[in-house]
Amino acid sequence: NFYNKIRECNLLLKKQDNRLNKEQV
């Protein structure tokens, strides 16, 4: 589950061209 949480973070970054808003972070 820990690895999956990291994977979700990486996929979101890739989807949004490595850009995140404050709430997402």
PDBML (XML) file of the C-alpha atoms, coordinates in Angstrom:
<?xml version="1.0" encoding="UTF-8" ?>
<PDBx:datablock datablockName="MODEL"
   xmlns:PDBx="http://pdbml.pdb.org/schema/pdbx-v50.xsd"
   xmlns:xsi="http://www.w3.org/2001/XMLSchema-instance"
   xsi:schemaLocation="http://pdbml.pdb.org/schema/pdbx-v50.xsd pdbx-v50.xsd">
   <PDBx:atom_siteCategory>
      <PDBx:atom_site id="1">
         <PDBx:B_iso_or_equiv>0.00</PDBx:B_iso_or_equiv>
         <PDBx:Cartn_x>0.000</PDBx:Cartn_x>
         <PDBx:Cartn_y>0.000</PDBx:Cartn_y>
         <PDBx:Cartn_z>0.000</PDBx:Cartn_z>
         <PDBx:auth_asym_id>A</PDBx:auth_asym_id>
         <PDBx:auth_atom_id>CA</PDBx:auth_atom_id>
         <PDBx:auth_comp_id>ASN</PDBx:auth_comp_id>
         <PDBx:auth_seq_id>1</PDBx:auth_seq_id>
         <PDBx:group_PDB>ATOM</PDBx:group_PDB>
         <PDBx:label_alt_id xsi:nil="true" />
         <PDBx:label_asym_id>A</PDBx:label_asym_id>
         <PDBx:label_atom_id>CA</PDBx:label_atom_id>
         <PDBx:label_comp_id>ASN</PDBx:label_comp_id>
         <PDBx:label_entity_id>1</PDBx:label_entity_id>
         <PDBx:label_seq_id>1</PDBx:label_seq_id>
         <PDBx:occupancy>1.00</PDBx:occupancy>
         <PDBx:pdbx_PDB_model_num>1</PDBx:pdbx_PDB_model_num>
         <PDBx:type_symbol>C</PDBx:type_symbol>
      </PDBx:atom_site>
      <PDBx:atom_site id="2">
         <PDBx:B_iso_or_equiv>0.00</PDBx:B_iso_or_equiv>
         <PDBx:Cartn_x>2.917</PDBx:Cartn_x>
         <PDBx:Cartn_y>2.336</PDBx:Cartn_y>
         <PDBx:Cartn_z>0.719</PDBx:Cartn_z>
         <PDBx:auth_asym_id>A</PDBx:auth_asym_id>
         <PDBx:auth_atom_id>CA</PDBx:auth_atom_id>
         <PDBx:auth_comp_id>PHE</PDBx:auth_comp_id>
         <PDBx:auth_seq_id>2</PDBx:auth_seq_id>
         <PDBx:group_PDB>ATOM</PDBx:group_PDB>
         <PDBx:label_alt_id xsi:nil="true" />
         <PDBx:label_asym_id>A</PDBx:label_asym_id>
         <PDBx:label_atom_id>CA</PDBx:label_atom_id>
         <PDBx:label_comp_id>PHE</PDBx:label_comp_id>
         <PDBx:label_entity_id>1</PDBx:label_entity_id>
         <PDBx:label_seq_id>2</PDBx:label_seq_id>
         <PDBx:occupancy>1.00</PDBx:occupancy>
         <PDBx:pdbx_PDB_model_num>1</PDBx:pdbx_PDB_model_num>
         <PDBx:type_symbol>C</PDBx:type_symbol>
      </PDBx:atom_site>
      <PDBx:atom_site id="3">
         <PDBx:B_iso_or_equiv>0.00</PDBx:B_iso_or_equiv>
         <PDBx:Cartn_x>4.417</PDBx:Cartn_x>
         <PDBx:Cartn_y>1.643</PDBx:Cartn_y>
         <PDBx:Cartn_z>-2.705</PDBx:Cartn_z>
         <PDBx:auth_asym_id>A</PDBx:auth_asym_id>
         <PDBx:auth_atom_id>CA</PDBx:auth_atom_id>
         <PDBx:auth_comp_id>TYR</PDBx:auth_comp_id>
         <PDBx:auth_seq_id>3</PDBx:auth_seq_id>
         <PDBx:group_PDB>ATOM</PDBx:group_PDB>
         <PDBx:label_alt_id xsi:nil="true" />
         <PDBx:label_asym_id>A</PDBx:label_asym_id>
         <PDBx:label_atom_id>CA</PDBx:label_atom_id>
         <PDBx:label_comp_id>TYR</PDBx:label_comp_id>
         <PDBx:label_entity_id>1</PDBx:label_entity_id>
         <PDBx:label_seq_id>3</PDBx:label_seq_id>
         <PDBx:occupancy>1.00</PDBx:occupancy>
         <PDBx:pdbx_PDB_model_num>1</PDBx:pdbx_PDB_model_num>
         <PDBx:type_symbol>C</PDBx:type_symbol>
      </PDBx:atom_site>
      <PDBx:atom_site id="4">
         <PDBx:B_iso_or_equiv>0.00</PDBx:B_iso_or_equiv>
         <PDBx:Cartn_x>0.984</PDBx:Cartn_x>
         <PDBx:Cartn_y>2.213</PDBx:Cartn_y>
         <PDBx:Cartn_z>-4.285</PDBx:Cartn_z>
         <PDBx:auth_asym_id>A</PDBx:auth_asym_id>
         <PDBx:auth_atom_id>CA</PDBx:auth_atom_id>
         <PDBx:auth_comp_id>ASN</PDBx:auth_comp_id>
         <PDBx:auth_seq_id>4</PDBx:auth_seq_id>
         <PDBx:group_PDB>ATOM</PDBx:group_PDB>
         <PDBx:label_alt_id xsi:nil="true" />
         <PDBx:label_asym_id>A</PDBx:label_asym_id>
         <PDBx:label_atom_id>CA</PDBx:label_atom_id>
         <PDBx:label_comp_id>ASN</PDBx:label_comp_id>
         <PDBx:label_entity_id>1</PDBx:label_entity_id>
         <PDBx:label_seq_id>4</PDBx:label_seq_id>
         <PDBx:occupancy>1.00</PDBx:occupancy>
         <PDBx:pdbx_PDB_model_num>1</PDBx:pdbx_PDB_model_num>
         <PDBx:type_symbol>C</PDBx:type_symbol>
      </PDBx:atom_site>
      <PDBx:atom_site id="5">
         <PDBx:B_iso_or_equiv>0.00</PDBx:B_iso_or_equiv>
         <PDBx:Cartn_x>0.728</PDBx:Cartn_x>
         <PDBx:Cartn_y>5.611</PDBx:Cartn_y>
         <PDBx:Cartn_z>-2.609</PDBx:Cartn_z>
         <PDBx:auth_asym_id>A</PDBx:auth_asym_id>
         <PDBx:auth_atom_id>CA</PDBx:auth_atom_id>
         <PDBx:auth_comp_id>LYS</PDBx:auth_comp_id>
         <PDBx:auth_seq_id>5</PDBx:auth_seq_id>
         <PDBx:group_PDB>ATOM</PDBx:group_PDB>
         <PDBx:label_alt_id xsi:nil="true" />
         <PDBx:label_asym_id>A</PDBx:label_asym_id>
         <PDBx:label_atom_id>CA</PDBx:label_atom_id>
         <PDBx:label_comp_id>LYS</PDBx:label_comp_id>
         <PDBx:label_entity_id>1</PDBx:label_entity_id>
         <PDBx:label_seq_id>5</PDBx:label_seq_id>
         <PDBx:occupancy>1.00</PDBx:occupancy>
         <PDBx:pdbx_PDB_model_num>1</PDBx:pdbx_PDB_model_num>
         <PDBx:type_symbol>C</PDBx:type_symbol>
      </PDBx:atom_site>
      <PDBx:atom_site id="6">
         <PDBx:B_iso_or_equiv>0.00</PDBx:B_iso_or_equiv>
         <PDBx:Cartn_x>4.087</PDBx:Cartn_x>
         <PDBx:Cartn_y>6.604</PDBx:Cartn_y>
         <PDBx:Cartn_z>-4.116</PDBx:Cartn_z>
         <PDBx:auth_asym_id>A</PDBx:auth_asym_id>
         <PDBx:auth_atom_id>CA</PDBx:auth_atom_id>
         <PDBx:auth_comp_id>ILE</PDBx:auth_comp_id>
         <PDBx:auth_seq_id>6</PDBx:auth_seq_id>
         <PDBx:group_PDB>ATOM</PDBx:group_PDB>
         <PDBx:label_alt_id xsi:nil="true" />
         <PDBx:label_asym_id>A</PDBx:label_asym_id>
         <PDBx:label_atom_id>CA</PDBx:label_atom_id>
         <PDBx:label_comp_id>ILE</PDBx:label_comp_id>
         <PDBx:label_entity_id>1</PDBx:label_entity_id>
         <PDBx:label_seq_id>6</PDBx:label_seq_id>
         <PDBx:occupancy>1.00</PDBx:occupancy>
         <PDBx:pdbx_PDB_model_num>1</PDBx:pdbx_PDB_model_num>
         <PDBx:type_symbol>C</PDBx:type_symbol>
      </PDBx:atom_site>
      <PDBx:atom_site id="7">
         <PDBx:B_iso_or_equiv>0.00</PDBx:B_iso_or_equiv>
         <PDBx:Cartn_x>2.991</PDBx:Cartn_x>
         <PDBx:Cartn_y>5.254</PDBx:Cartn_y>
         <PDBx:Cartn_z>-7.492</PDBx:Cartn_z>
         <PDBx:auth_asym_id>A</PDBx:auth_asym_id>
         <PDBx:auth_atom_id>CA</PDBx:auth_atom_id>
         <PDBx:auth_comp_id>ARG</PDBx:auth_comp_id>
         <PDBx:auth_seq_id>7</PDBx:auth_seq_id>
         <PDBx:group_PDB>ATOM</PDBx:group_PDB>
         <PDBx:label_alt_id xsi:nil="true" />
         <PDBx:label_asym_id>A</PDBx:label_asym_id>
         <PDBx:label_atom_id>CA</PDBx:label_atom_id>
         <PDBx:label_comp_id>ARG</PDBx:label_comp_id>
         <PDBx:label_entity_id>1</PDBx:label_entity_id>
         <PDBx:label_seq_id>7</PDBx:label_seq_id>
         <PDBx:occupancy>1.00</PDBx:occupancy>
         <PDBx:pdbx_PDB_model_num>1</PDBx:pdbx_PDB_model_num>
         <PDBx:type_symbol>C</PDBx:type_symbol>
      </PDBx:atom_site>
      <PDBx:atom_site id="8">
         <PDBx:B_iso_or_equiv>0.00</PDBx:B_iso_or_equiv>
         <PDBx:Cartn_x>-0.197</PDBx:Cartn_x>
         <PDBx:Cartn_y>7.352</PDBx:Cartn_y>
         <PDBx:Cartn_z>-7.383</PDBx:Cartn_z>
         <PDBx:auth_asym_id>A</PDBx:auth_asym_id>
         <PDBx:auth_atom_id>CA</PDBx:auth_atom_id>
         <PDBx:auth_comp_id>GLU</PDBx:auth_comp_id>
         <PDBx:auth_seq_id>8</PDBx:auth_seq_id>
         <PDBx:group_PDB>ATOM</PDBx:group_PDB>
         <PDBx:label_alt_id xsi:nil="true" />
         <PDBx:label_asym_id>A</PDBx:label_asym_id>
         <PDBx:label_atom_id>CA</PDBx:label_atom_id>
         <PDBx:label_comp_id>GLU</PDBx:label_comp_id>
         <PDBx:label_entity_id>1</PDBx:label_entity_id>
         <PDBx:label_seq_id>8</PDBx:label_seq_id>
         <PDBx:occupancy>1.00</PDBx:occupancy>
         <PDBx:pdbx_PDB_model_num>1</PDBx:pdbx_PDB_model_num>
         <PDBx:type_symbol>C</PDBx:type_symbol>
      </PDBx:atom_site>
      <PDBx:atom_site id="9">
         <PDBx:B_iso_or_equiv>0.00</PDBx:B_iso_or_equiv>
         <PDBx:Cartn_x>1.879</PDBx:Cartn_x>
         <PDBx:Cartn_y>10.444</PDBx:Cartn_y>
         <PDBx:Cartn_z>-6.678</PDBx:Cartn_z>
         <PDBx:auth_asym_id>A</PDBx:auth_asym_id>
         <PDBx:auth_atom_id>CA</PDBx:auth_atom_id>
         <PDBx:auth_comp_id>CYS</PDBx:auth_comp_id>
         <PDBx:auth_seq_id>9</PDBx:auth_seq_id>
         <PDBx:group_PDB>ATOM</PDBx:group_PDB>
         <PDBx:label_alt_id xsi:nil="true" />
         <PDBx:label_asym_id>A</PDBx:label_asym_id>
         <PDBx:label_atom_id>CA</PDBx:label_atom_id>
         <PDBx:label_comp_id>CYS</PDBx:label_comp_id>
         <PDBx:label_entity_id>1</PDBx:label_entity_id>
         <PDBx:label_seq_id>9</PDBx:label_seq_id>
         <PDBx:occupancy>1.00</PDBx:occupancy>
         <PDBx:pdbx_PDB_model_num>1</PDBx:pdbx_PDB_model_num>
         <PDBx:type_symbol>C</PDBx:type_symbol>
      </PDBx:atom_site>
      <PDBx:atom_site id="10">
         <PDBx:B_iso_or_equiv>0.00</PDBx:B_iso_or_equiv>
         <PDBx:Cartn_x>4.172</PDBx:Cartn_x>
         <PDBx:Cartn_y>9.758</PDBx:Cartn_y>
         <PDBx:Cartn_z>-9.623</PDBx:Cartn_z>
         <PDBx:auth_asym_id>A</PDBx:auth_asym_id>
         <PDBx:auth_atom_id>CA</PDBx:auth_atom_id>
         <PDBx:auth_comp_id>ASN</PDBx:auth_comp_id>
         <PDBx:auth_seq_id>10</PDBx:auth_seq_id>
         <PDBx:group_PDB>ATOM</PDBx:group_PDB>
         <PDBx:label_alt_id xsi:nil="true" />
         <PDBx:label_asym_id>A</PDBx:label_asym_id>
         <PDBx:label_atom_id>CA</PDBx:label_atom_id>
         <PDBx:label_comp_id>ASN</PDBx:label_comp_id>
         <PDBx:label_entity_id>1</PDBx:label_entity_id>
         <PDBx:label_seq_id>10</PDBx:label_seq_id>
         <PDBx:occupancy>1.00</PDBx:occupancy>
         <PDBx:pdbx_PDB_model_num>1</PDBx:pdbx_PDB_model_num>
         <PDBx:type_symbol>C</PDBx:type_symbol>
      </PDBx:atom_site>
      <PDBx:atom_site id="11">
         <PDBx:B_iso_or_equiv>0.00</PDBx:B_iso_or_equiv>
         <PDBx:Cartn_x>1.275</PDBx:Cartn_x>
         <PDBx:Cartn_y>9.080</PDBx:Cartn_y>
         <PDBx:Cartn_z>-11.998</PDBx:Cartn_z>
         <PDBx:auth_asym_id>A</PDBx:auth_asym_id>
         <PDBx:auth_atom_id>CA</PDBx:auth_atom_id>
         <PDBx:auth_comp_id>LEU</PDBx:auth_comp_id>
         <PDBx:auth_seq_id>11</PDBx:auth_seq_id>
         <PDBx:group_PDB>ATOM</PDBx:group_PDB>
         <PDBx:label_alt_id xsi:nil="true" />
         <PDBx:label_asym_id>A</PDBx:label_asym_id>
         <PDBx:label_atom_id>CA</PDBx:label_atom_id>
         <PDBx:label_comp_id>LEU</PDBx:label_comp_id>
         <PDBx:label_entity_id>1</PDBx:label_entity_id>
         <PDBx:label_seq_id>11</PDBx:label_seq_id>
         <PDBx:occupancy>1.00</PDBx:occupancy>
         <PDBx:pdbx_PDB_model_num>1</PDBx:pdbx_PDB_model_num>
         <PDBx:type_symbol>C</PDBx:type_symbol>
      </PDBx:atom_site>
      <PDBx:atom_site id="12">
         <PDBx:B_iso_or_equiv>0.00</PDBx:B_iso_or_equiv>
         <PDBx:Cartn_x>-0.429</PDBx:Cartn_x>
         <PDBx:Cartn_y>12.338</PDBx:Cartn_y>
         <PDBx:Cartn_z>-11.009</PDBx:Cartn_z>
         <PDBx:auth_asym_id>A</PDBx:auth_asym_id>
         <PDBx:auth_atom_id>CA</PDBx:auth_atom_id>
         <PDBx:auth_comp_id>LEU</PDBx:auth_comp_id>
         <PDBx:auth_seq_id>12</PDBx:auth_seq_id>
         <PDBx:group_PDB>ATOM</PDBx:group_PDB>
         <PDBx:label_alt_id xsi:nil="true" />
         <PDBx:label_asym_id>A</PDBx:label_asym_id>
         <PDBx:label_atom_id>CA</PDBx:label_atom_id>
         <PDBx:label_comp_id>LEU</PDBx:label_comp_id>
         <PDBx:label_entity_id>1</PDBx:label_entity_id>
         <PDBx:label_seq_id>12</PDBx:label_seq_id>
         <PDBx:occupancy>1.00</PDBx:occupancy>
         <PDBx:pdbx_PDB_model_num>1</PDBx:pdbx_PDB_model_num>
         <PDBx:type_symbol>C</PDBx:type_symbol>
      </PDBx:atom_site>
      <PDBx:atom_site id="13">
         <PDBx:B_iso_or_equiv>0.00</PDBx:B_iso_or_equiv>
         <PDBx:Cartn_x>2.777</PDBx:Cartn_x>
         <PDBx:Cartn_y>14.268</PDBx:Cartn_y>
         <PDBx:Cartn_z>-11.663</PDBx:Cartn_z>
         <PDBx:auth_asym_id>A</PDBx:auth_asym_id>
         <PDBx:auth_atom_id>CA</PDBx:auth_atom_id>
         <PDBx:auth_comp_id>LEU</PDBx:auth_comp_id>
         <PDBx:auth_seq_id>13</PDBx:auth_seq_id>
         <PDBx:group_PDB>ATOM</PDBx:group_PDB>
         <PDBx:label_alt_id xsi:nil="true" />
         <PDBx:label_asym_id>A</PDBx:label_asym_id>
         <PDBx:label_atom_id>CA</PDBx:label_atom_id>
         <PDBx:label_comp_id>LEU</PDBx:label_comp_id>
         <PDBx:label_entity_id>1</PDBx:label_entity_id>
         <PDBx:label_seq_id>13</PDBx:label_seq_id>
         <PDBx:occupancy>1.00</PDBx:occupancy>
         <PDBx:pdbx_PDB_model_num>1</PDBx:pdbx_PDB_model_num>
         <PDBx:type_symbol>C</PDBx:type_symbol>
      </PDBx:atom_site>
      <PDBx:atom_site id="14">
         <PDBx:B_iso_or_equiv>0.00</PDBx:B_iso_or_equiv>
         <PDBx:Cartn_x>3.158</PDBx:Cartn_x>
         <PDBx:Cartn_y>12.644</PDBx:Cartn_y>
         <PDBx:Cartn_z>-15.069</PDBx:Cartn_z>
         <PDBx:auth_asym_id>A</PDBx:auth_asym_id>
         <PDBx:auth_atom_id>CA</PDBx:auth_atom_id>
         <PDBx:auth_comp_id>LYS</PDBx:auth_comp_id>
         <PDBx:auth_seq_id>14</PDBx:auth_seq_id>
         <PDBx:group_PDB>ATOM</PDBx:group_PDB>
         <PDBx:label_alt_id xsi:nil="true" />
         <PDBx:label_asym_id>A</PDBx:label_asym_id>
         <PDBx:label_atom_id>CA</PDBx:label_atom_id>
         <PDBx:label_comp_id>LYS</PDBx:label_comp_id>
         <PDBx:label_entity_id>1</PDBx:label_entity_id>
         <PDBx:label_seq_id>14</PDBx:label_seq_id>
         <PDBx:occupancy>1.00</PDBx:occupancy>
         <PDBx:pdbx_PDB_model_num>1</PDBx:pdbx_PDB_model_num>
         <PDBx:type_symbol>C</PDBx:type_symbol>
      </PDBx:atom_site>
      <PDBx:atom_site id="15">
         <PDBx:B_iso_or_equiv>0.00</PDBx:B_iso_or_equiv>
         <PDBx:Cartn_x>-0.479</PDBx:Cartn_x>
         <PDBx:Cartn_y>13.363</PDBx:Cartn_y>
         <PDBx:Cartn_z>-15.958</PDBx:Cartn_z>
         <PDBx:auth_asym_id>A</PDBx:auth_asym_id>
         <PDBx:auth_atom_id>CA</PDBx:auth_atom_id>
         <PDBx:auth_comp_id>LYS</PDBx:auth_comp_id>
         <PDBx:auth_seq_id>15</PDBx:auth_seq_id>
         <PDBx:group_PDB>ATOM</PDBx:group_PDB>
         <PDBx:label_alt_id xsi:nil="true" />
         <PDBx:label_asym_id>A</PDBx:label_asym_id>
         <PDBx:label_atom_id>CA</PDBx:label_atom_id>
         <PDBx:label_comp_id>LYS</PDBx:label_comp_id>
         <PDBx:label_entity_id>1</PDBx:label_entity_id>
         <PDBx:label_seq_id>15</PDBx:label_seq_id>
         <PDBx:occupancy>1.00</PDBx:occupancy>
         <PDBx:pdbx_PDB_model_num>1</PDBx:pdbx_PDB_model_num>
         <PDBx:type_symbol>C</PDBx:type_symbol>
      </PDBx:atom_site>
      <PDBx:atom_site id="16">
         <PDBx:B_iso_or_equiv>0.00</PDBx:B_iso_or_equiv>
         <PDBx:Cartn_x>-0.178</PDBx:Cartn_x>
         <PDBx:Cartn_y>17.040</PDBx:Cartn_y>
         <PDBx:Cartn_z>-15.024</PDBx:Cartn_z>
         <PDBx:auth_asym_id>A</PDBx:auth_asym_id>
         <PDBx:auth_atom_id>CA</PDBx:auth_atom_id>
         <PDBx:auth_comp_id>GLN</PDBx:auth_comp_id>
         <PDBx:auth_seq_id>16</PDBx:auth_seq_id>
         <PDBx:group_PDB>ATOM</PDBx:group_PDB>
         <PDBx:label_alt_id xsi:nil="true" />
         <PDBx:label_asym_id>A</PDBx:label_asym_id>
         <PDBx:label_atom_id>CA</PDBx:label_atom_id>
         <PDBx:label_comp_id>GLN</PDBx:label_comp_id>
         <PDBx:label_entity_id>1</PDBx:label_entity_id>
         <PDBx:label_seq_id>16</PDBx:label_seq_id>
         <PDBx:occupancy>1.00</PDBx:occupancy>
         <PDBx:pdbx_PDB_model_num>1</PDBx:pdbx_PDB_model_num>
         <PDBx:type_symbol>C</PDBx:type_symbol>
      </PDBx:atom_site>
      <PDBx:atom_site id="17">
         <PDBx:B_iso_or_equiv>0.00</PDBx:B_iso_or_equiv>
         <PDBx:Cartn_x>3.238</PDBx:Cartn_x>
         <PDBx:Cartn_y>17.713</PDBx:Cartn_y>
         <PDBx:Cartn_z>-16.595</PDBx:Cartn_z>
         <PDBx:auth_asym_id>A</PDBx:auth_asym_id>
         <PDBx:auth_atom_id>CA</PDBx:auth_atom_id>
         <PDBx:auth_comp_id>ASP</PDBx:auth_comp_id>
         <PDBx:auth_seq_id>17</PDBx:auth_seq_id>
         <PDBx:group_PDB>ATOM</PDBx:group_PDB>
         <PDBx:label_alt_id xsi:nil="true" />
         <PDBx:label_asym_id>A</PDBx:label_asym_id>
         <PDBx:label_atom_id>CA</PDBx:label_atom_id>
         <PDBx:label_comp_id>ASP</PDBx:label_comp_id>
         <PDBx:label_entity_id>1</PDBx:label_entity_id>
         <PDBx:label_seq_id>17</PDBx:label_seq_id>
         <PDBx:occupancy>1.00</PDBx:occupancy>
         <PDBx:pdbx_PDB_model_num>1</PDBx:pdbx_PDB_model_num>
         <PDBx:type_symbol>C</PDBx:type_symbol>
      </PDBx:atom_site>
      <PDBx:atom_site id="18">
         <PDBx:B_iso_or_equiv>0.00</PDBx:B_iso_or_equiv>
         <PDBx:Cartn_x>4.938</PDBx:Cartn_x>
         <PDBx:Cartn_y>17.605</PDBx:Cartn_y>
         <PDBx:Cartn_z>-13.168</PDBx:Cartn_z>
         <PDBx:auth_asym_id>A</PDBx:auth_asym_id>
         <PDBx:auth_atom_id>CA</PDBx:auth_atom_id>
         <PDBx:auth_comp_id>ASN</PDBx:auth_comp_id>
         <PDBx:auth_seq_id>18</PDBx:auth_seq_id>
         <PDBx:group_PDB>ATOM</PDBx:group_PDB>
         <PDBx:label_alt_id xsi:nil="true" />
         <PDBx:label_asym_id>A</PDBx:label_asym_id>
         <PDBx:label_atom_id>CA</PDBx:label_atom_id>
         <PDBx:label_comp_id>ASN</PDBx:label_comp_id>
         <PDBx:label_entity_id>1</PDBx:label_entity_id>
         <PDBx:label_seq_id>18</PDBx:label_seq_id>
         <PDBx:occupancy>1.00</PDBx:occupancy>
         <PDBx:pdbx_PDB_model_num>1</PDBx:pdbx_PDB_model_num>
         <PDBx:type_symbol>C</PDBx:type_symbol>
      </PDBx:atom_site>
      <PDBx:atom_site id="19">
         <PDBx:B_iso_or_equiv>0.00</PDBx:B_iso_or_equiv>
         <PDBx:Cartn_x>2.739</PDBx:Cartn_x>
         <PDBx:Cartn_y>20.399</PDBx:Cartn_y>
         <PDBx:Cartn_z>-11.815</PDBx:Cartn_z>
         <PDBx:auth_asym_id>A</PDBx:auth_asym_id>
         <PDBx:auth_atom_id>CA</PDBx:auth_atom_id>
         <PDBx:auth_comp_id>ARG</PDBx:auth_comp_id>
         <PDBx:auth_seq_id>19</PDBx:auth_seq_id>
         <PDBx:group_PDB>ATOM</PDBx:group_PDB>
         <PDBx:label_alt_id xsi:nil="true" />
         <PDBx:label_asym_id>A</PDBx:label_asym_id>
         <PDBx:label_atom_id>CA</PDBx:label_atom_id>
         <PDBx:label_comp_id>ARG</PDBx:label_comp_id>
         <PDBx:label_entity_id>1</PDBx:label_entity_id>
         <PDBx:label_seq_id>19</PDBx:label_seq_id>
         <PDBx:occupancy>1.00</PDBx:occupancy>
         <PDBx:pdbx_PDB_model_num>1</PDBx:pdbx_PDB_model_num>
         <PDBx:type_symbol>C</PDBx:type_symbol>
      </PDBx:atom_site>
      <PDBx:atom_site id="20">
         <PDBx:B_iso_or_equiv>0.00</PDBx:B_iso_or_equiv>
         <PDBx:Cartn_x>0.702</PDBx:Cartn_x>
         <PDBx:Cartn_y>20.198</PDBx:Cartn_y>
         <PDBx:Cartn_z>-8.612</PDBx:Cartn_z>
         <PDBx:auth_asym_id>A</PDBx:auth_asym_id>
         <PDBx:auth_atom_id>CA</PDBx:auth_atom_id>
         <PDBx:auth_comp_id>LEU</PDBx:auth_comp_id>
         <PDBx:auth_seq_id>20</PDBx:auth_seq_id>
         <PDBx:group_PDB>ATOM</PDBx:group_PDB>
         <PDBx:label_alt_id xsi:nil="true" />
         <PDBx:label_asym_id>A</PDBx:label_asym_id>
         <PDBx:label_atom_id>CA</PDBx:label_atom_id>
         <PDBx:label_comp_id>LEU</PDBx:label_comp_id>
         <PDBx:label_entity_id>1</PDBx:label_entity_id>
         <PDBx:label_seq_id>20</PDBx:label_seq_id>
         <PDBx:occupancy>1.00</PDBx:occupancy>
         <PDBx:pdbx_PDB_model_num>1</PDBx:pdbx_PDB_model_num>
         <PDBx:type_symbol>C</PDBx:type_symbol>
      </PDBx:atom_site>
      <PDBx:atom_site id="21">
         <PDBx:B_iso_or_equiv>0.00</PDBx:B_iso_or_equiv>
         <PDBx:Cartn_x>-1.391</PDBx:Cartn_x>
         <PDBx:Cartn_y>22.726</PDBx:Cartn_y>
         <PDBx:Cartn_z>-6.740</PDBx:Cartn_z>
         <PDBx:auth_asym_id>A</PDBx:auth_asym_id>
         <PDBx:auth_atom_id>CA</PDBx:auth_atom_id>
         <PDBx:auth_comp_id>ASN</PDBx:auth_comp_id>
         <PDBx:auth_seq_id>21</PDBx:auth_seq_id>
         <PDBx:group_PDB>ATOM</PDBx:group_PDB>
         <PDBx:label_alt_id xsi:nil="true" />
         <PDBx:label_asym_id>A</PDBx:label_asym_id>
         <PDBx:label_atom_id>CA</PDBx:label_atom_id>
         <PDBx:label_comp_id>ASN</PDBx:label_comp_id>
         <PDBx:label_entity_id>1</PDBx:label_entity_id>
         <PDBx:label_seq_id>21</PDBx:label_seq_id>
         <PDBx:occupancy>1.00</PDBx:occupancy>
         <PDBx:pdbx_PDB_model_num>1</PDBx:pdbx_PDB_model_num>
         <PDBx:type_symbol>C</PDBx:type_symbol>
      </PDBx:atom_site>
      <PDBx:atom_site id="22">
         <PDBx:B_iso_or_equiv>0.00</PDBx:B_iso_or_equiv>
         <PDBx:Cartn_x>-1.046</PDBx:Cartn_x>
         <PDBx:Cartn_y>23.268</PDBx:Cartn_y>
         <PDBx:Cartn_z>-2.996</PDBx:Cartn_z>
         <PDBx:auth_asym_id>A</PDBx:auth_asym_id>
         <PDBx:auth_atom_id>CA</PDBx:auth_atom_id>
         <PDBx:auth_comp_id>LYS</PDBx:auth_comp_id>
         <PDBx:auth_seq_id>22</PDBx:auth_seq_id>
         <PDBx:group_PDB>ATOM</PDBx:group_PDB>
         <PDBx:label_alt_id xsi:nil="true" />
         <PDBx:label_asym_id>A</PDBx:label_asym_id>
         <PDBx:label_atom_id>CA</PDBx:label_atom_id>
         <PDBx:label_comp_id>LYS</PDBx:label_comp_id>
         <PDBx:label_entity_id>1</PDBx:label_entity_id>
         <PDBx:label_seq_id>22</PDBx:label_seq_id>
         <PDBx:occupancy>1.00</PDBx:occupancy>
         <PDBx:pdbx_PDB_model_num>1</PDBx:pdbx_PDB_model_num>
         <PDBx:type_symbol>C</PDBx:type_symbol>
      </PDBx:atom_site>
      <PDBx:atom_site id="23">
         <PDBx:B_iso_or_equiv>0.00</PDBx:B_iso_or_equiv>
         <PDBx:Cartn_x>-4.056</PDBx:Cartn_x>
         <PDBx:Cartn_y>21.147</PDBx:Cartn_y>
         <PDBx:Cartn_z>-2.078</PDBx:Cartn_z>
         <PDBx:auth_asym_id>A</PDBx:auth_asym_id>
         <PDBx:auth_atom_id>CA</PDBx:auth_atom_id>
         <PDBx:auth_comp_id>GLU</PDBx:auth_comp_id>
         <PDBx:auth_seq_id>23</PDBx:auth_seq_id>
         <PDBx:group_PDB>ATOM</PDBx:group_PDB>
         <PDBx:label_alt_id xsi:nil="true" />
         <PDBx:label_asym_id>A</PDBx:label_asym_id>
         <PDBx:label_atom_id>CA</PDBx:label_atom_id>
         <PDBx:label_comp_id>GLU</PDBx:label_comp_id>
         <PDBx:label_entity_id>1</PDBx:label_entity_id>
         <PDBx:label_seq_id>23</PDBx:label_seq_id>
         <PDBx:occupancy>1.00</PDBx:occupancy>
         <PDBx:pdbx_PDB_model_num>1</PDBx:pdbx_PDB_model_num>
         <PDBx:type_symbol>C</PDBx:type_symbol>
      </PDBx:atom_site>
      <PDBx:atom_site id="24">
         <PDBx:B_iso_or_equiv>0.00</PDBx:B_iso_or_equiv>
         <PDBx:Cartn_x>-2.767</PDBx:Cartn_x>
         <PDBx:Cartn_y>18.200</PDBx:Cartn_y>
         <PDBx:Cartn_z>-4.131</PDBx:Cartn_z>
         <PDBx:auth_asym_id>A</PDBx:auth_asym_id>
         <PDBx:auth_atom_id>CA</PDBx:auth_atom_id>
         <PDBx:auth_comp_id>GLN</PDBx:auth_comp_id>
         <PDBx:auth_seq_id>24</PDBx:auth_seq_id>
         <PDBx:group_PDB>ATOM</PDBx:group_PDB>
         <PDBx:label_alt_id xsi:nil="true" />
         <PDBx:label_asym_id>A</PDBx:label_asym_id>
         <PDBx:label_atom_id>CA</PDBx:label_atom_id>
         <PDBx:label_comp_id>GLN</PDBx:label_comp_id>
         <PDBx:label_entity_id>1</PDBx:label_entity_id>
         <PDBx:label_seq_id>24</PDBx:label_seq_id>
         <PDBx:occupancy>1.00</PDBx:occupancy>
         <PDBx:pdbx_PDB_model_num>1</PDBx:pdbx_PDB_model_num>
         <PDBx:type_symbol>C</PDBx:type_symbol>
      </PDBx:atom_site>
      <PDBx:atom_site id="25">
         <PDBx:B_iso_or_equiv>0.00</PDBx:B_iso_or_equiv>
         <PDBx:Cartn_x>0.654</PDBx:Cartn_x>
         <PDBx:Cartn_y>18.443</PDBx:Cartn_y>
         <PDBx:Cartn_z>-2.495</PDBx:Cartn_z>
         <PDBx:auth_asym_id>A</PDBx:auth_asym_id>
         <PDBx:auth_atom_id>CA</PDBx:auth_atom_id>
         <PDBx:auth_comp_id>VAL</PDBx:auth_comp_id>
         <PDBx:auth_seq_id>25</PDBx:auth_seq_id>
         <PDBx:group_PDB>ATOM</PDBx:group_PDB>
         <PDBx:label_alt_id xsi:nil="true" />
         <PDBx:label_asym_id>A</PDBx:label_asym_id>
         <PDBx:label_atom_id>CA</PDBx:label_atom_id>
         <PDBx:label_comp_id>VAL</PDBx:label_comp_id>
         <PDBx:label_entity_id>1</PDBx:label_entity_id>
         <PDBx:label_seq_id>25</PDBx:label_seq_id>
         <PDBx:occupancy>1.00</PDBx:occupancy>
         <PDBx:pdbx_PDB_model_num>1</PDBx:pdbx_PDB_model_num>
         <PDBx:type_symbol>C</PDBx:type_symbol>
      </PDBx:atom_site>
   </PDBx:atom_siteCategory>
</PDBx:datablock>
